Protein backbone atom coordinates (compact mmCIF):
# COMPACT_ATOMS: atom_id res chain seq x y z
CA UNK A 1 86.11 120.66 60.33
CA UNK A 2 86.35 121.01 64.16
CA UNK A 3 83.43 123.56 64.21
CA UNK A 4 81.12 121.04 62.31
CA UNK A 5 81.87 118.29 65.01
CA UNK A 6 81.19 120.36 68.06
CA UNK A 7 84.71 121.80 68.56
CA UNK A 8 86.71 118.77 69.34
CA UNK A 9 87.49 115.36 67.98
CA UNK A 10 90.09 112.57 68.55
CA UNK A 11 93.18 113.42 66.70
CA UNK A 12 93.34 110.09 64.88
CA UNK A 13 89.70 110.40 63.75
CA UNK A 14 90.37 113.66 62.37
CA UNK A 15 93.59 112.57 60.62
CA UNK A 16 91.52 109.68 59.08
CA UNK A 17 88.91 112.18 57.80
CA UNK A 18 91.06 114.97 56.79
CA UNK A 19 94.12 113.13 55.25
CA UNK A 20 92.66 109.65 54.28
CA UNK A 21 95.06 107.09 52.74
CA UNK A 22 93.32 107.41 49.35
CA UNK A 23 94.77 110.91 48.76
CA UNK A 24 98.24 109.30 48.48
CA UNK A 25 99.15 106.51 45.92
CA UNK A 26 101.29 103.97 47.88
CA UNK A 27 102.17 102.99 51.30
CA UNK A 28 105.60 104.64 51.26
CA UNK A 29 104.31 108.07 50.63
CA UNK A 30 101.51 107.74 53.07
CA UNK A 31 104.07 106.82 55.73
CA UNK A 32 106.08 110.08 54.81
CA UNK A 33 103.16 112.30 54.77
CA UNK A 34 103.25 114.93 57.50
CA UNK A 35 100.75 117.40 56.16
CA UNK A 36 98.26 116.84 58.90
CA UNK A 37 100.87 117.10 61.67
CA UNK A 38 102.16 120.29 60.14
CA UNK A 39 98.71 121.80 60.04
CA UNK A 40 98.03 120.80 63.72
CA UNK A 41 101.39 122.12 64.83
CA UNK A 42 101.02 125.41 63.05
CA UNK A 43 97.42 126.00 64.52
CA UNK A 44 98.78 125.14 67.94
CA UNK A 45 101.56 127.58 67.41
CA UNK A 46 99.02 130.27 66.51
CA UNK A 47 96.83 129.43 69.63
CA UNK A 48 93.78 128.21 67.56
CA UNK A 49 93.78 124.64 68.49
CA UNK A 50 94.94 122.47 71.34
CA UNK A 51 96.02 118.85 71.50
CA UNK A 52 95.49 117.17 74.90
CA UNK A 53 95.31 113.38 75.44
CA UNK A 54 95.22 112.87 71.59
CA UNK A 55 92.18 115.04 71.36
CA UNK A 56 92.00 118.18 69.15
CA UNK A 57 90.02 121.11 70.45
CA UNK A 58 89.27 124.53 69.10
CA UNK A 59 90.69 127.22 71.10
CA UNK A 60 87.83 129.55 72.68
CA UNK A 61 88.74 132.40 70.40
CA UNK A 62 87.53 130.24 67.37
CA UNK A 63 84.57 128.62 68.83
CA UNK A 64 82.19 131.58 67.96
CA UNK A 65 82.85 131.23 64.19
CA UNK A 66 80.42 129.42 61.85
CA UNK A 67 81.79 126.61 59.59
CA UNK A 68 81.27 128.75 56.42
CA UNK A 69 82.71 131.87 57.77
CA UNK A 70 86.12 131.95 55.99
CA UNK A 71 86.57 135.50 56.26
CA UNK A 72 86.30 135.35 60.05
CA UNK A 73 88.84 132.45 60.06
CA UNK A 74 91.24 134.64 57.99
CA UNK A 75 90.72 137.30 60.48
CA UNK A 76 91.81 134.94 63.36
CA UNK A 77 94.79 133.68 61.42
CA UNK A 78 95.76 137.27 60.52
CA UNK A 79 95.60 138.40 64.06
CA UNK A 80 97.49 135.39 65.41
CA UNK A 81 100.32 135.75 62.70
CA UNK A 82 100.68 139.59 63.48
CA UNK A 83 100.42 139.21 67.22
CA UNK A 84 103.19 141.21 68.89
CA UNK A 85 104.27 138.55 71.36
CA UNK A 86 104.79 136.09 68.43
CA UNK A 87 106.99 138.77 66.79
CA UNK A 88 109.06 139.95 69.65
CA UNK A 89 112.52 140.95 68.46
CA UNK A 90 111.59 140.61 64.96
CA UNK A 91 114.22 142.69 63.61
CA UNK A 92 116.92 141.92 66.37
CA UNK A 93 118.08 138.67 65.01
CA UNK A 94 117.27 136.03 62.47
CA UNK A 95 115.06 133.88 64.80
CA UNK A 96 112.65 131.85 62.64
CA UNK A 97 110.32 130.60 65.36
CA UNK A 98 106.62 130.96 64.98
CA UNK A 99 105.41 133.26 62.30
CA UNK A 100 108.37 135.58 62.31
CA UNK A 101 109.70 134.63 58.76
CA UNK A 102 106.29 134.87 57.36
CA UNK A 103 105.84 138.31 58.82
CA UNK A 104 109.31 139.47 57.45
CA UNK A 105 108.31 138.04 54.07
CA UNK A 106 104.96 139.84 54.15
CA UNK A 107 106.53 143.18 55.17
CA UNK A 108 108.89 143.05 52.31
CA UNK A 109 106.47 141.89 49.65
CA UNK A 110 103.90 144.67 50.67
CA UNK A 111 106.61 147.30 49.64
CA UNK A 112 106.48 146.05 45.96
CA UNK A 113 104.25 147.56 43.21
CA UNK A 114 100.75 146.36 43.66
CA UNK A 115 100.30 146.30 39.85
CA UNK A 116 103.06 143.94 39.15
CA UNK A 117 102.72 140.12 39.44
CA UNK A 118 105.72 138.53 40.95
CA UNK A 119 107.17 134.96 40.79
CA UNK A 120 110.19 133.49 42.69
CA UNK A 121 112.52 134.73 40.09
CA UNK A 122 111.57 138.30 40.52
CA UNK A 123 111.04 138.01 44.17
CA UNK A 124 114.78 136.72 44.58
CA UNK A 125 116.27 139.58 42.52
CA UNK A 126 114.10 142.33 44.28
CA UNK A 127 114.87 141.15 47.71
CA UNK A 128 118.67 141.88 47.22
CA UNK A 129 119.67 144.62 49.60
CA UNK A 130 116.07 145.31 50.81
CA UNK A 131 116.99 144.38 54.49
CA UNK A 132 119.68 145.62 56.83
CA UNK A 133 123.28 144.27 56.07
CA UNK A 134 123.50 140.82 57.32
CA UNK A 135 119.82 140.16 57.83
CA UNK A 136 118.87 137.12 55.71
CA UNK A 137 116.29 137.46 53.10
CA UNK A 138 113.11 135.45 54.12
CA UNK A 139 112.20 134.05 50.71
CA UNK A 140 115.22 132.26 49.42
CA UNK A 141 113.98 129.04 47.69
CA UNK A 142 111.00 127.49 46.17
CA UNK A 143 110.17 125.65 49.43
CA UNK A 144 109.54 128.94 51.24
CA UNK A 145 107.91 130.63 48.17
CA UNK A 146 105.49 127.79 47.51
CA UNK A 147 104.18 128.21 51.06
CA UNK A 148 104.14 131.90 50.94
CA UNK A 149 101.88 131.46 47.77
CA UNK A 150 99.19 129.91 50.09
CA UNK A 151 99.73 132.04 53.29
CA UNK A 152 99.82 135.49 51.77
CA UNK A 153 96.41 135.28 49.95
CA UNK A 154 94.89 133.27 53.08
CA UNK A 155 95.82 136.30 55.40
CA UNK A 156 94.46 138.91 52.96
CA UNK A 157 97.88 140.32 51.87
CA UNK A 158 98.09 139.09 48.28
CA UNK A 159 96.07 137.75 45.38
CA UNK A 160 96.81 135.71 42.28
CA UNK A 161 96.69 137.44 38.87
CA UNK A 162 93.50 136.90 37.07
CA UNK A 163 95.32 136.27 33.82
CA UNK A 164 98.64 134.49 34.32
CA UNK A 165 99.76 131.97 31.72
CA UNK A 166 103.27 131.60 33.28
CA UNK A 167 103.23 129.00 35.86
CA UNK A 168 99.67 129.62 36.93
CA UNK A 169 99.36 129.73 40.78
CA UNK A 170 102.87 130.52 41.29
CA UNK A 171 102.71 134.21 40.89
CA UNK A 172 101.28 136.92 43.29
CA UNK A 173 100.27 140.51 43.24
CA UNK A 174 100.88 142.57 46.57
CA UNK A 175 97.12 143.17 46.89
CA UNK A 176 96.04 143.65 50.63
CA UNK A 177 92.52 144.72 49.79
CA UNK A 178 91.15 141.68 51.64
CA UNK A 179 92.89 142.52 54.86
CA UNK A 180 92.26 146.24 54.55
CA UNK A 181 88.53 145.82 54.02
CA UNK A 182 88.03 143.69 57.00
CA UNK A 183 90.17 146.11 59.00
CA UNK A 184 88.27 149.17 57.71
CA UNK A 185 84.82 147.63 58.21
CA UNK A 186 85.45 146.38 61.79
CA UNK A 187 86.90 149.77 62.74
CA UNK A 188 84.09 152.07 61.51
CA UNK A 189 80.41 151.74 60.86
CA UNK A 190 78.35 152.14 57.79
CA UNK A 191 77.87 155.88 57.03
CA UNK A 192 80.80 157.17 58.95
CA UNK A 193 83.20 159.74 57.59
CA UNK A 194 86.69 159.56 58.66
CA UNK A 195 89.62 161.87 58.19
CA UNK A 196 91.75 160.06 55.47
CA UNK A 197 95.08 160.57 57.31
CA UNK A 198 93.56 159.17 60.56
CA UNK A 199 92.16 156.17 58.57
CA UNK A 200 95.68 155.46 57.06
CA UNK A 201 97.31 155.60 60.51
CA UNK A 202 94.74 153.33 61.97
CA UNK A 203 94.91 150.82 59.09
CA UNK A 204 98.70 150.71 59.39
CA UNK A 205 98.63 150.31 63.08
CA UNK A 206 96.14 147.37 62.72
CA UNK A 207 98.26 145.74 59.92
CA UNK A 208 101.93 146.61 60.85
CA UNK A 209 103.31 144.64 57.84
CA UNK A 210 102.21 147.44 55.69
CA UNK A 211 104.70 149.98 54.58
CA UNK A 212 105.10 152.49 57.43
CA UNK A 213 103.94 150.17 59.96
CA UNK A 214 105.89 149.29 63.09
CA UNK A 215 107.13 145.78 61.66
CA UNK A 216 107.99 147.23 58.37
CA UNK A 217 109.83 150.17 59.84
CA UNK A 218 111.66 147.97 62.44
CA UNK A 219 113.06 145.90 59.56
CA UNK A 220 114.25 149.12 57.89
CA UNK A 221 112.26 148.53 54.69
CA UNK A 222 112.08 151.56 52.32
CA UNK A 223 109.35 153.95 52.43
CA UNK A 224 107.19 155.19 49.62
CA UNK A 225 107.41 158.16 47.27
CA UNK A 226 103.73 158.93 48.09
CA UNK A 227 102.17 159.24 51.50
CA UNK A 228 100.49 156.06 51.08
CA UNK A 229 102.24 152.97 49.56
CA UNK A 230 101.24 151.50 46.38
CA UNK A 231 99.82 148.25 48.17
CA UNK A 232 97.60 150.16 50.70
CA UNK A 233 96.72 152.79 47.86
CA UNK A 234 95.56 149.92 45.57
CA UNK A 235 93.44 148.37 48.47
CA UNK A 236 91.59 151.86 49.01
CA UNK A 237 91.15 152.46 45.45
CA UNK A 238 89.58 148.94 45.22
CA UNK A 239 87.47 149.62 48.02
CA UNK A 240 86.20 152.94 46.27
CA UNK A 241 85.55 151.08 43.05
CA UNK A 242 83.81 148.26 44.81
CA UNK A 243 81.58 150.79 46.85
CA UNK A 244 82.49 149.44 50.41
CA UNK A 245 84.20 152.93 50.81
CA UNK A 246 84.11 156.27 48.87
CA UNK A 247 87.33 158.58 48.71
CA UNK A 248 86.65 162.24 48.74
CA UNK A 249 88.49 165.59 48.88
CA UNK A 250 87.11 168.68 50.48
CA UNK A 251 88.43 172.01 49.42
CA UNK A 252 88.53 173.23 53.03
CA UNK A 253 90.10 170.09 54.59
CA UNK A 254 92.96 170.83 56.93
CA UNK A 255 95.02 167.98 55.44
CA UNK A 256 94.83 165.13 53.04
CA UNK A 257 96.97 162.10 51.98
CA UNK A 258 98.45 161.19 48.61
CA UNK A 259 97.61 157.99 47.16
CA UNK A 260 99.50 156.10 44.25
CA UNK A 261 97.08 156.05 41.43
CA UNK A 262 98.36 155.10 37.92
CA UNK A 263 94.93 155.89 36.35
CA UNK A 264 95.64 159.63 36.87
CA UNK A 265 97.92 161.85 34.70
CA UNK A 266 100.13 162.66 37.64
CA UNK A 267 99.98 158.95 38.91
CA UNK A 268 98.84 160.28 42.32
CA UNK A 269 95.43 161.15 43.94
CA UNK A 270 94.86 163.35 47.04
CA UNK A 271 92.15 162.21 49.47
CA UNK A 272 90.98 164.01 52.54
CA UNK A 273 88.09 161.87 53.81
CA UNK A 274 86.78 158.38 53.60
CA UNK A 275 83.16 157.42 53.87
CA UNK A 276 82.20 153.92 54.75
CA UNK A 277 79.57 152.34 52.96
CA UNK A 278 79.77 148.65 53.60
CA UNK A 279 79.71 146.38 56.80
CA UNK A 280 81.47 143.20 57.80
CA UNK A 281 78.26 141.04 56.89
CA UNK A 282 77.57 142.64 53.53
């Protein structure tokens, strides 16, 4: 919205346009609705908008986007949520300021099997014992899960099962393909061949909530039986199938990585190099 009006707008005009009274059925509910305030406060916390003298303005980092660039906006959101300054002492205490609880939830969620849809019931059970003793689980009720269901896909770290008859919209798969695709295509150009182990290290460095990443390690989350966890393996295999990368193995390669691949007899796949076929604007 702010991009379409030149980057700034009086806050009350923005509220009237984005959260009009007709969306809510009665005066009492309209008086209690805080959705607009929460959205503005969250974007302020993430450094994407400012509110001065009752005027909303886009931060400089967001002004170069086009109004239709949803992927670019997701990149900004993801970078702000994963920002090290906003996640200082992530594993030292149960501080819930800023995006820390969301980051803890993402780090745990991405340790789960990428081929298994999860709802709140499964998440509640699987979280037990996942974190260090005394550290609270980040997803403890439907209030938090209902928000995670929106945030995780928006950041490119989850997707909704295509066929889901059980409470549609309330189950997620740990599918980080969108975030990995944007990271890969921003890091390397079309036609480049990259050592697979180097590529995996770079992706995990850029997306530290992935298993093996610094946020995941700091929280003491369990590792994977393969070199590359299920969630990242799934994303790379999707990239190969959708042709924005190809996965190869050279017989003379000095090293390779072991992906989790349930379509093979062994359940794994060895890869030594990745070739980039796509671009950010494809």
